Protein backbone atom coordinates (compact mmCIF):
# COMPACT_ATOMS: atom_id res chain seq x y z
CA UNK A 1 80.77 80.20 118.03
CA UNK A 2 82.17 82.93 118.75
CA UNK A 3 86.52 83.59 118.82
CA UNK A 4 87.33 86.12 120.84
CA UNK A 5 85.48 87.81 124.07
CA UNK A 6 84.76 91.85 124.26
CA UNK A 7 86.31 93.04 127.68
CA UNK A 8 84.62 95.16 129.32
CA UNK A 9 84.70 98.61 130.03
CA UNK A 10 82.02 100.80 132.55
CA UNK A 11 81.62 102.44 129.50
CA UNK A 12 81.66 101.26 126.13
CA UNK A 13 81.95 102.91 122.33
CA UNK A 14 79.05 102.06 119.82
CA UNK A 15 79.31 98.31 118.73
CA UNK A 16 78.75 98.04 115.13
CA UNK A 17 78.21 94.86 114.00
CA UNK A 18 79.07 93.43 110.03
CA UNK A 19 77.00 91.36 107.99
CA UNK A 20 78.80 89.69 105.59
CA UNK A 21 77.90 86.04 103.85
CA UNK A 22 81.67 84.26 104.07
CA UNK A 23 84.69 85.97 105.26
CA UNK A 24 87.45 84.81 103.35
CA UNK A 25 89.97 86.00 101.18
CA UNK A 26 88.83 88.92 98.84
CA UNK A 27 88.90 92.32 98.48
CA UNK A 28 85.79 93.38 100.23
CA UNK A 29 87.04 91.19 103.24
CA UNK A 30 89.95 92.87 102.70
CA UNK A 31 88.76 96.05 103.56
CA UNK A 32 86.72 94.93 106.31
CA UNK A 33 89.40 93.55 108.06
CA UNK A 34 91.33 96.66 107.52
CA UNK A 35 88.18 98.39 108.58
CA UNK A 36 87.99 96.87 111.92
CA UNK A 37 91.66 96.44 112.76
CA UNK A 38 92.61 100.51 112.15
CA UNK A 39 89.39 102.44 113.35
CA UNK A 40 89.73 104.25 116.51
CA UNK A 41 89.06 101.60 119.63
CA UNK A 42 87.42 104.61 121.57
CA UNK A 43 85.41 105.02 118.59
CA UNK A 44 83.33 102.08 117.67
CA UNK A 45 83.15 98.51 118.91
CA UNK A 46 83.21 95.57 116.22
CA UNK A 47 81.70 92.25 115.56
CA UNK A 48 81.64 90.80 112.24
CA UNK A 49 78.80 87.88 111.15
CA UNK A 50 78.86 85.61 108.79
CA UNK A 51 76.05 83.98 107.83
CA UNK A 52 77.47 81.24 106.10
CA UNK A 53 81.42 79.96 107.73
CA UNK A 54 84.76 81.83 108.13
CA UNK A 55 87.70 80.43 107.74
CA UNK A 56 91.44 81.44 108.55
CA UNK A 57 90.86 85.20 106.41
CA UNK A 58 90.01 85.79 109.80
CA UNK A 59 92.63 85.79 111.87
CA UNK A 60 93.84 88.76 109.75
CA UNK A 61 91.49 90.34 112.91
CA UNK A 62 94.09 91.81 115.17
CA UNK A 63 92.18 94.26 117.37
CA UNK A 64 91.45 92.97 120.42
CA UNK A 65 88.20 92.16 121.99
CA UNK A 66 86.31 91.40 118.22
CA UNK A 67 83.61 88.82 118.59
CA UNK A 68 82.88 86.41 115.26
CA UNK A 69 79.77 84.16 114.24
CA UNK A 70 78.68 82.01 111.64
CA UNK A 71 75.35 81.51 111.22
CA UNK A 72 76.01 78.26 108.67
CA UNK A 73 73.20 79.54 106.59
CA UNK A 74 71.82 76.06 104.20
CA UNK A 75 70.26 77.23 100.92
CA UNK A 76 67.48 79.11 99.60
CA UNK A 77 65.68 81.11 101.40
CA UNK A 78 65.98 80.04 104.86
CA UNK A 79 64.55 81.59 107.16
CA UNK A 80 65.54 80.00 110.57
CA UNK A 81 68.73 81.94 109.34
CA UNK A 82 66.01 85.07 110.12
CA UNK A 83 65.45 84.34 113.77
CA UNK A 84 69.25 82.86 114.78
CA UNK A 85 70.50 86.56 113.72
CA UNK A 86 67.23 88.82 115.30
CA UNK A 87 67.97 86.41 118.15
CA UNK A 88 71.63 87.65 118.12
CA UNK A 89 71.28 91.45 117.36
CA UNK A 90 69.09 90.93 120.71
CA UNK A 91 71.68 89.90 122.26
CA UNK A 92 74.56 91.55 121.00
CA UNK A 93 72.24 95.18 121.44
CA UNK A 94 74.26 96.66 118.27
CA UNK A 95 73.91 100.72 117.67
CA UNK A 96 74.60 100.05 113.31
CA UNK A 97 74.33 96.47 111.25
CA UNK A 98 76.65 96.93 108.15
CA UNK A 99 75.32 94.88 106.05
CA UNK A 100 77.51 94.16 102.61
CA UNK A 101 76.09 93.19 98.54
CA UNK A 102 73.39 91.48 97.61
CA UNK A 103 73.83 88.45 99.46
CA UNK A 104 72.48 90.10 103.36
CA UNK A 105 70.60 93.23 102.15
CA UNK A 106 67.21 91.15 103.41
CA UNK A 107 68.60 91.22 106.53
CA UNK A 108 68.63 94.89 107.17
CA UNK A 109 64.47 93.79 107.83
CA UNK A 110 65.61 91.73 110.51
CA UNK A 111 67.59 94.43 111.99
CA UNK A 112 64.93 96.93 112.02
CA UNK A 113 62.32 93.71 113.72
CA UNK A 114 65.25 93.25 116.13
CA UNK A 115 65.48 97.32 117.30
CA UNK A 116 68.85 98.06 115.79
CA UNK A 117 68.84 101.74 115.11
CA UNK A 118 70.62 102.09 112.63
CA UNK A 119 71.46 100.05 109.64
CA UNK A 120 73.98 100.85 106.76
CA UNK A 121 74.40 98.71 103.87
CA UNK A 122 77.83 98.29 101.37
CA UNK A 123 77.39 97.72 96.93
CA UNK A 124 80.67 96.98 96.65
CA UNK A 125 80.26 95.51 93.11
CA UNK A 126 78.39 92.86 90.76
CA UNK A 127 78.84 89.05 89.85
CA UNK A 128 79.55 87.37 87.20
CA UNK A 129 76.23 86.81 86.34
CA UNK A 130 74.57 90.32 86.29
CA UNK A 131 77.54 92.34 85.24
CA UNK A 132 75.30 95.38 84.27
CA UNK A 133 73.12 94.95 87.46
CA UNK A 134 70.08 94.09 85.43
CA UNK A 135 68.32 91.66 87.69
CA UNK A 136 64.75 92.64 87.80
CA UNK A 137 64.35 90.02 91.19
CA UNK A 138 67.27 90.89 92.63
CA UNK A 139 66.76 95.10 91.63
CA UNK A 140 63.09 94.87 92.97
CA UNK A 141 64.52 93.04 96.42
CA UNK A 142 66.87 96.32 96.93
CA UNK A 143 64.10 98.51 96.32
CA UNK A 144 61.79 96.69 99.10
CA UNK A 145 64.28 96.76 101.34
CA UNK A 146 65.73 100.01 101.25
CA UNK A 147 63.33 101.68 102.87
CA UNK A 148 64.96 99.66 105.91
CA UNK A 149 68.27 100.96 105.29
CA UNK A 150 69.21 104.58 106.63
CA UNK A 151 71.76 104.48 103.66
CA UNK A 152 73.24 102.61 101.20
CA UNK A 153 77.61 103.23 100.42
CA UNK A 154 78.12 102.14 96.75
CA UNK A 155 82.20 102.31 96.39
CA UNK A 156 82.18 103.86 92.82
CA UNK A 157 80.66 106.53 90.75
CA UNK A 158 79.59 103.62 88.69
CA UNK A 159 77.70 102.02 91.35
CA UNK A 160 76.01 104.80 92.94
CA UNK A 161 74.62 105.35 88.97
CA UNK A 162 72.86 102.12 88.94
CA UNK A 163 71.59 102.28 92.12
CA UNK A 164 69.89 105.78 91.27
CA UNK A 165 69.00 105.18 87.74
CA UNK A 166 68.70 101.16 87.39
CA UNK A 167 67.87 100.08 90.58
CA UNK A 168 65.66 103.26 91.77
CA UNK A 169 67.44 104.02 95.43
CA UNK A 170 66.39 107.65 95.96
CA UNK A 171 69.68 110.04 96.05
CA UNK A 172 69.11 110.92 99.78
CA UNK A 173 69.66 107.25 100.55
CA UNK A 174 73.29 107.16 98.62
CA UNK A 175 76.51 108.24 100.35
CA UNK A 176 79.54 106.97 98.10
CA UNK A 177 82.34 106.35 99.78
CA UNK A 178 85.76 105.65 97.79
CA UNK A 179 87.53 102.37 99.37
CA UNK A 180 91.14 102.96 100.78
CA UNK A 181 94.21 101.25 100.87
CA UNK A 182 97.40 100.74 103.09
CA UNK A 183 99.98 103.50 101.44
CA UNK A 184 102.25 102.02 103.34
CA UNK A 185 102.36 98.41 103.24
CA UNK A 186 101.89 98.99 99.59
CA UNK A 187 104.75 100.34 98.33
CA UNK A 188 106.72 100.86 95.48
CA UNK A 189 109.52 99.02 95.59
CA UNK A 190 113.28 100.07 96.31
CA UNK A 191 115.21 100.60 92.73
CA UNK A 192 118.00 97.99 91.89
CA UNK A 193 115.61 95.70 94.74
CA UNK A 194 115.07 92.15 93.47
CA UNK A 195 112.72 89.23 94.17
CA UNK A 196 112.67 85.85 95.72
CA UNK A 197 110.31 84.03 94.20
CA UNK A 198 110.28 81.52 91.26
CA UNK A 199 109.14 83.75 88.33
CA UNK A 200 112.21 86.45 89.30
CA UNK A 201 114.71 83.74 87.43
CA UNK A 202 116.04 86.46 84.54
CA UNK A 203 116.78 89.77 85.91
CA UNK A 204 115.53 91.60 82.36
CA UNK A 205 112.00 89.68 83.18
CA UNK A 206 108.88 91.42 82.47
CA UNK A 207 106.23 89.94 85.49
CA UNK A 208 103.01 90.95 84.82
CA UNK A 209 100.86 90.21 88.15
CA UNK A 210 97.41 89.78 88.89
CA UNK A 211 95.81 89.03 92.42
CA UNK A 212 91.99 87.90 92.68
CA UNK A 213 90.18 85.09 93.09
CA UNK A 214 89.78 82.52 90.80
CA UNK A 215 86.53 83.15 89.61
CA UNK A 216 84.49 83.82 86.74
CA UNK A 217 83.65 87.69 87.15
CA UNK A 218 87.35 87.75 86.89
CA UNK A 219 88.00 86.20 83.96
CA UNK A 220 91.32 85.56 84.33
CA UNK A 221 91.13 83.04 81.48
CA UNK A 222 91.27 86.16 79.04
CA UNK A 223 94.26 87.12 81.01
CA UNK A 224 96.05 83.91 80.22
CA UNK A 225 94.75 84.02 76.33
CA UNK A 226 96.07 88.28 75.79
CA UNK A 227 99.48 87.00 77.18
CA UNK A 228 99.78 83.84 75.11
CA UNK A 229 99.21 86.47 71.98
CA UNK A 230 101.49 88.65 73.63
CA UNK A 231 104.27 85.81 73.77
CA UNK A 232 104.00 85.21 70.11
CA UNK A 233 103.88 89.29 69.49
CA UNK A 234 107.69 89.75 71.52
CA UNK A 235 108.66 86.08 70.67
CA UNK A 236 112.34 87.08 72.03
CA UNK A 237 111.18 89.24 75.18
CA UNK A 238 111.26 86.97 78.79
CA UNK A 239 107.99 87.71 79.68
CA UNK A 240 106.74 85.94 82.92
CA UNK A 241 102.89 85.48 83.82
CA UNK A 242 101.98 85.41 87.64
CA UNK A 243 97.78 84.81 88.77
CA UNK A 244 98.02 85.15 92.54
CA UNK A 245 94.55 83.58 94.23
CA UNK A 246 92.97 80.53 94.53
CA UNK A 247 89.63 79.69 93.82
CA UNK A 248 86.91 77.00 91.28
CA UNK A 249 88.39 78.09 88.35
CA UNK A 250 92.02 76.99 89.19
CA UNK A 251 92.20 73.95 86.90
CA UNK A 252 90.33 75.04 84.22
CA UNK A 253 92.75 77.95 84.07
CA UNK A 254 95.67 75.38 85.26
CA UNK A 255 94.57 73.21 81.72
CA UNK A 256 94.57 76.51 79.69
CA UNK A 257 97.85 77.20 80.37
CA UNK A 258 98.90 73.93 79.54
CA UNK A 259 96.89 73.89 76.23
CA UNK A 260 98.80 76.92 75.28
CA UNK A 261 102.38 75.82 76.24
CA UNK A 262 103.40 78.62 78.83
CA UNK A 263 104.17 76.27 81.93
CA UNK A 264 107.77 77.92 81.83
CA UNK A 265 106.07 81.10 81.77
CA UNK A 266 102.58 81.18 83.62
CA UNK A 267 102.70 80.49 87.35
CA UNK A 268 99.52 80.04 89.23
CA UNK A 269 100.50 80.54 92.97
CA UNK A 270 97.38 80.91 95.16
CA UNK A 271 96.52 82.70 97.78
CA UNK A 272 98.89 84.63 99.37
CA UNK A 273 99.22 86.01 102.61
CA UNK A 274 101.92 88.38 101.70
CA UNK A 275 100.32 90.37 98.42
CA UNK A 276 102.44 93.45 99.25
CA UNK A 277 105.76 92.25 98.92
CA UNK A 278 104.72 89.91 95.67
CA UNK A 279 102.81 93.22 94.56
CA UNK A 280 106.90 94.80 94.61
CA UNK A 281 108.10 92.48 92.39
CA UNK A 282 105.34 92.35 89.62
CA UNK A 283 106.62 94.61 86.50
CA UNK A 284 102.88 95.62 85.69
CA UNK A 285 99.13 94.86 86.71
CA UNK A 286 96.15 93.69 84.83
CA UNK A 287 92.84 92.84 85.72
CA UNK A 288 90.90 91.33 82.98
CA UNK A 289 87.43 91.52 85.46
CA UNK A 290 84.35 91.30 83.22
CA UNK A 291 82.46 92.95 86.60
CA UNK A 292 83.94 95.03 89.81
CA UNK A 293 83.00 98.09 91.49
CA UNK A 294 86.65 99.37 93.35
CA UNK A 295 88.61 96.79 93.00
CA UNK A 296 90.63 96.50 96.37
CA UNK A 297 94.12 95.17 94.58
CA UNK A 298 93.88 97.67 91.68
CA UNK A 299 94.55 99.87 94.56
CA UNK A 300 96.83 97.77 95.93
CA UNK A 301 98.93 97.95 92.43
CA UNK A 302 98.59 101.66 92.29
CA UNK A 303 100.10 102.18 95.62
CA UNK A 304 102.78 99.63 94.58
CA UNK A 305 104.11 102.30 91.31
CA UNK A 306 102.76 99.29 89.24
CA UNK A 307 100.94 100.32 85.79
CA UNK A 308 98.10 99.11 84.67
CA UNK A 309 96.27 97.43 81.95
CA UNK A 310 93.05 96.55 82.71
CA UNK A 311 89.45 96.03 81.26
CA UNK A 312 87.47 99.57 81.42
CA UNK A 313 84.35 97.94 84.06
CA UNK A 314 82.19 99.20 86.82
CA UNK A 315 84.26 101.66 88.41
CA UNK A 316 87.52 101.23 86.74
CA UNK A 317 87.61 104.43 84.63
CA UNK A 318 87.54 106.39 88.33
CA UNK A 319 90.61 105.21 89.08
CA UNK A 320 92.72 105.03 85.74
CA UNK A 321 93.22 107.70 83.89
CA UNK A 322 93.92 106.03 80.46
CA UNK A 323 97.06 106.95 78.76
CA UNK A 324 98.39 108.54 81.97
CA UNK A 325 98.54 106.36 85.08
CA UNK A 326 97.59 102.82 83.00
CA UNK A 327 95.34 101.79 79.52
CA UNK A 328 91.15 100.87 79.84
CA UNK A 329 90.94 97.83 77.58
CA UNK A 330 87.08 96.05 76.90
CA UNK A 331 86.25 93.06 78.60
CA UNK A 332 86.18 89.29 77.04
CA UNK A 333 89.24 91.02 74.62
CA UNK A 334 92.11 89.07 74.62
CA UNK A 335 93.59 90.99 71.64
CA UNK A 336 93.11 94.36 72.90
CA UNK A 337 94.54 93.49 76.91
CA UNK A 338 97.93 91.55 74.50
CA UNK A 339 98.49 95.02 72.48
CA UNK A 340 97.91 96.92 75.30
CA UNK A 341 100.73 95.33 77.71
CA UNK A 342 103.29 95.26 74.68
CA UNK A 343 103.20 99.08 74.80
CA UNK A 344 104.52 98.78 78.81
CA UNK A 345 106.42 95.93 77.27
CA UNK A 346 108.43 97.44 74.40
CA UNK A 347 108.64 100.44 76.65
CA UNK A 348 109.93 100.36 80.16
CA UNK A 349 110.27 103.70 80.89
CA UNK A 350 106.92 104.51 80.24
CA UNK A 351 105.88 101.71 82.45
CA UNK A 352 107.57 103.90 85.49
CA UNK A 353 106.50 106.51 84.54
CA UNK A 354 102.68 104.96 84.40
CA UNK A 355 103.22 103.34 87.40
CA UNK A 356 104.59 106.82 89.70
CA UNK A 357 101.40 108.54 88.22
CA UNK A 358 99.01 105.68 89.78
CA UNK A 359 100.47 105.91 92.88
CA UNK A 360 100.22 109.63 93.31
CA UNK A 361 96.32 109.37 91.94
CA UNK A 362 96.13 106.55 95.06
CA UNK A 363 97.69 109.15 97.57
CA UNK A 364 95.55 111.76 96.85
CA UNK A 365 91.77 110.32 96.45
CA UNK A 366 92.27 106.51 97.38
CA UNK A 367 93.92 106.24 101.11
CA UNK A 368 93.02 104.45 103.91
CA UNK A 369 92.80 107.07 106.40
CA UNK A 370 90.35 109.45 103.82
CA UNK A 371 88.19 106.49 103.89
CA UNK A 372 87.64 105.73 107.64
CA UNK A 373 87.33 109.27 107.76
CA UNK A 374 84.00 109.29 105.80
CA UNK A 375 82.93 105.54 107.33
CA UNK A 376 83.64 107.53 110.71
CA UNK A 377 81.23 110.66 109.92
CA UNK A 378 78.52 108.16 108.18
CA UNK A 379 77.96 106.51 111.48
CA UNK A 380 78.30 109.77 113.56
CA UNK A 381 75.65 111.31 111.54
CA UNK A 382 73.35 108.78 110.96
CA UNK A 383 73.14 107.78 114.98
CA UNK A 384 73.27 111.63 116.43
CA UNK A 385 70.35 111.44 114.21
CA UNK A 386 68.46 108.71 115.80
CA UNK A 387 66.43 108.90 119.14
CA UNK A 388 66.75 105.83 119.82
CA UNK A 389 70.26 105.50 120.22
CA UNK A 390 70.60 105.18 123.79
CA UNK A 391 69.05 101.68 123.64
CA UNK A 392 71.69 100.84 121.73
CA UNK A 393 74.59 101.56 123.55
CA UNK A 394 75.90 100.57 127.46
CA UNK A 395 75.73 103.71 128.95
CA UNK A 396 78.44 105.00 131.14
CA UNK A 397 78.68 104.34 134.93
CA UNK A 398 78.05 107.11 136.91
């Protein structure tokens, strides 16, 4: 069940167990992996527990000594999973359990019963089935479990306001931490650089790119519809659309592309491990989501020097300054998105200027280092406030 075992140390840093529903390609999962790989090894150790399972994406955890577990939770309540996690936590003795999103929040109570001193929960966004976060059953669960959690971490100001005002979580339990991006790996393309992908078939081509799982909440169908309108608006322009990612809607989206007669202009590129260089081959980044927290792919695009056309949902207006580093449009509105895209196609200098402004914004506020420092401060502060922390940490050898 474990991928790698931690090496023995006479004195080990505190252990953080990250509980996630499934470890697969995604923005939240990328953030988790980057946090584990980059957090100073002398400060904290890490283990990852997946309620269901994990994929080859787990190989992106490059830090030595990280254990990975899969509990293989079946659909439904699955009380046995609580028992399995309780036993695992009793064996691992972590100092902190860090849970992510609604699917894992109830297990904070399991951690409390297992004697885990600190429980942290992060909310990274809402799903397509409840984009406004109004589901009474789900919000009741959040309120009932909140007393078992030391801090709830929203990753956008929109999520913080929702947790406070709609869900009813006390302000003192909330700690806003902005997502961060690796600004060295995600960087603008060098002047004159040309891509080698199939969609770089025309040196004058304008490549609109999007990265995300092909699922309802990302609403790539609206982006394809907007692109079809754009091609009719600007018939002489060498326009290309690239959707990077995979998921349950791949076949319906492919059918939509075919029915629109866009097979020669649209690429469903599938999941890619080399997102950073792929991003550098785009002219613009588009995001058509109907719900978001602080989307990592949007930060990566801005760090790559790309102008952005995005729906104005969730925490996106915190990132995209409308008319300064991108354009915001209403969700599920292909006409508005097509008009915003057309403005950048017609004015390439504006696209470059807004892309450069986005890069500056990420460097100032959304760097990976700023995010790591915020989580380190959160972990340190909560541990110091717990009298029982020594029970969860292997003591130094005398």
